[in-house]
């Protein structure tokens, strides 16, 4: 094994690593979006929790409890999505490192690189599906909140 690498070989390795870097940037953007949604879910849970404490009407308390239940489900789904997306990002990082190490030491790790790439994409697909599920839960939560708002208007 020759550990000396030519500049042209290094340029080729860098070219190969560019595509996964763009994937990593996309994953980072998605993590930013889903983390923002998680923050809004937590803020909403605090508001609903404070509202529930102040209410005395059992029906309105039940509506708040139902909304909190939806918010907890959304939190759980969002956390899974963040976890899987983070795992996908880590696999892409490992993939990039593997490209450099394999190129530098002239290792035949094509199968390993393909495995990292496919697994990262599968994790990203599942994370996106969970994101879709969270959006659907948010729509249901919105309906519950709307019911509360209409009932709340009459008590002001």
C-alpha atoms as a PDB file:
ATOM      1  CA  UNK A   1       0.000   0.000   0.000  1.00  0.00           C
ATOM      2  CA  UNK A   2       1.355   3.350  -1.005  1.00  0.00           C
ATOM      3  CA  UNK A   3       0.352   6.022   1.512  1.00  0.00           C
ATOM      4  CA  UNK A   4       1.515   8.814  -0.772  1.00  0.00           C
ATOM      5  CA  UNK A   5      -1.371  10.348  -2.632  1.00  0.00           C
ATOM      6  CA  UNK A   6      -1.132  12.460  -5.740  1.00  0.00           C
ATOM      7  CA  UNK A   7      -2.833  15.856  -5.917  1.00  0.00           C
ATOM      8  CA  UNK A   8      -4.980  14.645  -8.816  1.00  0.00           C
ATOM      9  CA  UNK A   9      -6.130  11.653  -6.746  1.00  0.00           C
ATOM     10  CA  UNK A  10      -6.968  13.981  -3.884  1.00  0.00           C
ATOM     11  CA  UNK A  11      -8.966  16.198  -6.243  1.00  0.00           C
ATOM     12  CA  UNK A  12     -10.940  13.147  -7.371  1.00  0.00           C
ATOM     13  CA  UNK A  13     -11.682  12.148  -3.771  1.00  0.00           C
ATOM     14  CA  UNK A  14     -12.866  15.681  -3.012  1.00  0.00           C
ATOM     15  CA  UNK A  15     -15.138  15.577  -6.069  1.00  0.00           C
ATOM     16  CA  UNK A  16     -16.623  12.294  -4.851  1.00  0.00           C
ATOM     17  CA  UNK A  17     -17.220  13.781  -1.401  1.00  0.00           C
ATOM     18  CA  UNK A  18     -19.050  16.873  -2.690  1.00  0.00           C
ATOM     19  CA  UNK A  19     -22.379  15.127  -3.410  1.00  0.00           C
ATOM     20  CA  UNK A  20     -22.675  13.692   0.128  1.00  0.00           C
ATOM     21  CA  UNK A  21     -21.797  17.133   1.519  1.00  0.00           C
ATOM     22  CA  UNK A  22     -24.827  18.586  -0.302  1.00  0.00           C
ATOM     23  CA  UNK A  23     -26.960  15.796   1.182  1.00  0.00           C
ATOM     24  CA  UNK A  24     -25.569  16.702   4.596  1.00  0.00           C
ATOM     25  CA  UNK A  25     -26.534  20.353   4.030  1.00  0.00           C
ATOM     26  CA  UNK A  26     -30.071  19.281   3.106  1.00  0.00           C
ATOM     27  CA  UNK A  27     -30.319  17.135   6.237  1.00  0.00           C
ATOM     28  CA  UNK A  28     -29.127  20.097   8.326  1.00  0.00           C
ATOM     29  CA  UNK A  29     -31.837  22.281   6.799  1.00  0.00           C
ATOM     30  CA  UNK A  30     -34.476  19.657   7.534  1.00  0.00           C
ATOM     31  CA  UNK A  31     -33.226  19.348  11.126  1.00  0.00           C
ATOM     32  CA  UNK A  32     -33.579  23.112  11.465  1.00  0.00           C
ATOM     33  CA  UNK A  33     -37.205  22.967  10.299  1.00  0.00           C
ATOM     34  CA  UNK A  34     -38.226  20.026  12.471  1.00  0.00           C
ATOM     35  CA  UNK A  35     -36.427  21.463  15.534  1.00  0.00           C
ATOM     36  CA  UNK A  36     -38.347  24.708  15.054  1.00  0.00           C
ATOM     37  CA  UNK A  37     -41.592  22.778  14.963  1.00  0.00           C
ATOM     38  CA  UNK A  38     -40.613  20.970  18.172  1.00  0.00           C
ATOM     39  CA  UNK A  39     -40.001  24.316  19.848  1.00  0.00           C
ATOM     40  CA  UNK A  40     -43.444  25.544  18.828  1.00  0.00           C
ATOM     41  CA  UNK A  41     -45.044  22.311  20.092  1.00  0.00           C
ATOM     42  CA  UNK A  42     -43.368  22.761  23.489  1.00  0.00           C
ATOM     43  CA  UNK A  43     -44.460  26.410  23.651  1.00  0.00           C
ATOM     44  CA  UNK A  44     -48.038  25.419  22.801  1.00  0.00           C
ATOM     45  CA  UNK A  45     -48.012  22.685  25.459  1.00  0.00           C
ATOM     46  CA  UNK A  46     -47.005  25.286  28.051  1.00  0.00           C
ATOM     47  CA  UNK A  47     -49.831  27.614  27.012  1.00  0.00           C
ATOM     48  CA  UNK A  48     -52.425  24.828  27.066  1.00  0.00           C
ATOM     49  CA  UNK A  49     -51.121  23.566  30.422  1.00  0.00           C
ATOM     50  CA  UNK A  50     -51.457  27.038  31.955  1.00  0.00           C
ATOM     51  CA  UNK A  51     -54.930  27.408  30.476  1.00  0.00           C
ATOM     52  CA  UNK A  52     -56.016  24.059  31.903  1.00  0.00           C
ATOM     53  CA  UNK A  53     -54.897  25.093  35.397  1.00  0.00           C
ATOM     54  CA  UNK A  54     -57.073  28.237  35.253  1.00  0.00           C
ATOM     55  CA  UNK A  55     -60.202  26.503  33.927  1.00  0.00           C
ATOM     56  CA  UNK A  56     -62.979  25.233  36.148  1.00  0.00           C
ATOM     57  CA  UNK A  57     -65.408  23.899  33.511  1.00  0.00           C
ATOM     58  CA  UNK A  58     -64.896  20.112  33.176  1.00  0.00           C
ATOM     59  CA  UNK A  59     -65.722  20.150  29.447  1.00  0.00           C
ATOM     60  CA  UNK A  60     -63.143  22.825  28.710  1.00  0.00           C
ATOM     61  CA  UNK A  61     -60.591  21.005  30.872  1.00  0.00           C
ATOM     62  CA  UNK A  62     -61.277  17.839  28.856  1.00  0.00           C
ATOM     63  CA  UNK A  63     -60.667  19.726  25.605  1.00  0.00           C
ATOM     64  CA  UNK A  64     -57.361  21.036  26.992  1.00  0.00           C
ATOM     65  CA  UNK A  65     -56.385  17.533  28.102  1.00  0.00           C
ATOM     66  CA  UNK A  66     -57.160  16.196  24.637  1.00  0.00           C
ATOM     67  CA  UNK A  67     -55.026  18.891  23.038  1.00  0.00           C
ATOM     68  CA  UNK A  68     -52.162  18.140  25.438  1.00  0.00           C
ATOM     69  CA  UNK A  69     -52.468  14.466  24.463  1.00  0.00           C
ATOM     70  CA  UNK A  70     -52.122  15.392  20.783  1.00  0.00           C
ATOM     71  CA  UNK A  71     -49.179  17.659  21.595  1.00  0.00           C
ATOM     72  CA  UNK A  72     -47.388  14.815  23.409  1.00  0.00           C
ATOM     73  CA  UNK A  73     -47.939  12.543  20.403  1.00  0.00           C
ATOM     74  CA  UNK A  74     -46.548  15.229  18.126  1.00  0.00           C
ATOM     75  CA  UNK A  75     -43.544  15.632  20.424  1.00  0.00           C
ATOM     76  CA  UNK A  76     -42.839  11.905  20.347  1.00  0.00           C
ATOM     77  CA  UNK A  77     -43.114  11.710  16.546  1.00  0.00           C
ATOM     78  CA  UNK A  78     -40.974  14.828  16.139  1.00  0.00           C
ATOM     79  CA  UNK A  79     -38.286  13.466  18.462  1.00  0.00           C
ATOM     80  CA  UNK A  80     -38.127  10.246  16.443  1.00  0.00           C
ATOM     81  CA  UNK A  81     -37.868  12.237  13.232  1.00  0.00           C
ATOM     82  CA  UNK A  82     -35.038  14.338  14.677  1.00  0.00           C
ATOM     83  CA  UNK A  83     -33.241  11.231  15.920  1.00  0.00           C
ATOM     84  CA  UNK A  84     -33.457   9.416  12.594  1.00  0.00           C
ATOM     85  CA  UNK A  85     -32.470  12.518  10.656  1.00  0.00           C
ATOM     86  CA  UNK A  86     -29.480  13.031  12.947  1.00  0.00           C
ATOM     87  CA  UNK A  87     -28.477   9.380  12.465  1.00  0.00           C
ATOM     88  CA  UNK A  88     -28.723   9.880   8.692  1.00  0.00           C
ATOM     89  CA  UNK A  89     -26.484  12.949   8.968  1.00  0.00           C
ATOM     90  CA  UNK A  90     -23.950  11.029  11.024  1.00  0.00           C
ATOM     91  CA  UNK A  91     -23.915   8.233   8.451  1.00  0.00           C
ATOM     92  CA  UNK A  92     -23.275  10.760   5.702  1.00  0.00           C
ATOM     93  CA  UNK A  93     -20.338  12.096   7.747  1.00  0.00           C
ATOM     94  CA  UNK A  94     -19.000   8.553   8.129  1.00  0.00           C
ATOM     95  CA  UNK A  95     -19.480   8.079   4.395  1.00  0.00           C
ATOM     96  CA  UNK A  96     -17.421  11.198   3.625  1.00  0.00           C
ATOM     97  CA  UNK A  97     -14.658  10.127   6.018  1.00  0.00           C
ATOM     98  CA  UNK A  98     -14.718   6.643   4.430  1.00  0.00           C
ATOM     99  CA  UNK A  99     -14.255   8.177   0.993  1.00  0.00           C
ATOM    100  CA  UNK A 100     -11.184  10.078   2.148  1.00  0.00           C
ATOM    101  CA  UNK A 101      -9.670   7.205   4.142  1.00  0.00           C
ATOM    102  CA  UNK A 102     -10.377   4.679   1.394  1.00  0.00           C
ATOM    103  CA  UNK A 103      -8.896   6.983  -1.235  1.00  0.00           C
ATOM    104  CA  UNK A 104      -5.842   7.878   0.822  1.00  0.00           C
ATOM    105  CA  UNK A 105      -4.937   4.302   1.708  1.00  0.00           C
ATOM    106  CA  UNK A 106      -6.327   2.907  -1.550  1.00  0.00           C
ATOM    107  CA  UNK A 107      -8.753   0.585   0.253  1.00  0.00           C
ATOM    108  CA  UNK A 108     -11.488  -1.225  -1.633  1.00  0.00           C
ATOM    109  CA  UNK A 109     -14.466  -0.152   0.454  1.00  0.00           C
ATOM    110  CA  UNK A 110     -17.025   0.516  -2.277  1.00  0.00           C
ATOM    111  CA  UNK A 111     -19.546  -1.867  -0.704  1.00  0.00           C
ATOM    112  CA  UNK A 112     -19.186  -0.184   2.671  1.00  0.00           C
ATOM    113  CA  UNK A 113     -19.640   3.272   1.150  1.00  0.00           C
ATOM    114  CA  UNK A 114     -22.762   2.107  -0.701  1.00  0.00           C
ATOM    115  CA  UNK A 115     -24.080   0.598   2.529  1.00  0.00           C
ATOM    116  CA  UNK A 116     -23.584   3.861   4.432  1.00  0.00           C
ATOM    117  CA  UNK A 117     -25.271   5.835   1.659  1.00  0.00           C
ATOM    118  CA  UNK A 118     -28.288   3.539   1.351  1.00  0.00           C
ATOM    119  CA  UNK A 119     -28.759   3.325   5.116  1.00  0.00           C
ATOM    120  CA  UNK A 120     -28.530   7.124   5.419  1.00  0.00           C
ATOM    121  CA  UNK A 121     -31.205   7.520   2.741  1.00  0.00           C
ATOM    122  CA  UNK A 122     -33.480   4.934   4.386  1.00  0.00           C
ATOM    123  CA  UNK A 123     -33.170   6.756   7.721  1.00  0.00           C
ATOM    124  CA  UNK A 124     -33.892  10.060   5.986  1.00  0.00           C
ATOM    125  CA  UNK A 125     -36.957   8.578   4.256  1.00  0.00           C
ATOM    126  CA  UNK A 126     -38.354   7.347   7.575  1.00  0.00           C
ATOM    127  CA  UNK A 127     -37.602  10.734   9.187  1.00  0.00           C
ATOM    128  CA  UNK A 128     -39.501  12.492   6.385  1.00  0.00           C
ATOM    129  CA  UNK A 129     -42.436  10.108   6.774  1.00  0.00           C
ATOM    130  CA  UNK A 130     -42.521  10.860  10.506  1.00  0.00           C
ATOM    131  CA  UNK A 131     -42.424  14.567   9.674  1.00  0.00           C
ATOM    132  CA  UNK A 132     -45.479  14.056   7.473  1.00  0.00           C
ATOM    133  CA  UNK A 133     -47.195  12.221  10.346  1.00  0.00           C
ATOM    134  CA  UNK A 134     -46.408  15.122  12.670  1.00  0.00           C
ATOM    135  CA  UNK A 135     -47.949  17.584  10.221  1.00  0.00           C
ATOM    136  CA  UNK A 136     -51.092  15.426  10.094  1.00  0.00           C
ATOM    137  CA  UNK A 137     -51.225  15.359  13.902  1.00  0.00           C
ATOM    138  CA  UNK A 138     -50.815  19.147  13.921  1.00  0.00           C
ATOM    139  CA  UNK A 139     -53.878  19.460  11.702  1.00  0.00           C
ATOM    140  CA  UNK A 140     -55.884  17.319  14.121  1.00  0.00           C
ATOM    141  CA  UNK A 141     -54.592  19.389  17.053  1.00  0.00           C
ATOM    142  CA  UNK A 142     -55.704  22.499  15.213  1.00  0.00           C
ATOM    143  CA  UNK A 143     -59.252  21.131  15.030  1.00  0.00           C
ATOM    144  CA  UNK A 144     -59.266  20.478  18.788  1.00  0.00           C
ATOM    145  CA  UNK A 145     -57.927  23.972  19.500  1.00  0.00           C
ATOM    146  CA  UNK A 146     -60.578  25.453  17.199  1.00  0.00           C
ATOM    147  CA  UNK A 147     -63.330  23.676  19.140  1.00  0.00           C
ATOM    148  CA  UNK A 148     -61.948  25.163  22.335  1.00  0.00           C
ATOM    149  CA  UNK A 149     -61.732  28.636  20.807  1.00  0.00           C
ATOM    150  CA  UNK A 150     -65.379  28.550  19.710  1.00  0.00           C
ATOM    151  CA  UNK A 151     -66.503  27.423  23.150  1.00  0.00           C
ATOM    152  CA  UNK A 152     -64.167  29.919  24.828  1.00  0.00           C
ATOM    153  CA  UNK A 153     -65.637  32.841  22.821  1.00  0.00           C
ATOM    154  CA  UNK A 154     -69.034  32.330  24.451  1.00  0.00           C
ATOM    155  CA  UNK A 155     -67.598  32.465  27.989  1.00  0.00           C
ATOM    156  CA  UNK A 156     -65.801  35.824  27.648  1.00  0.00           C
END
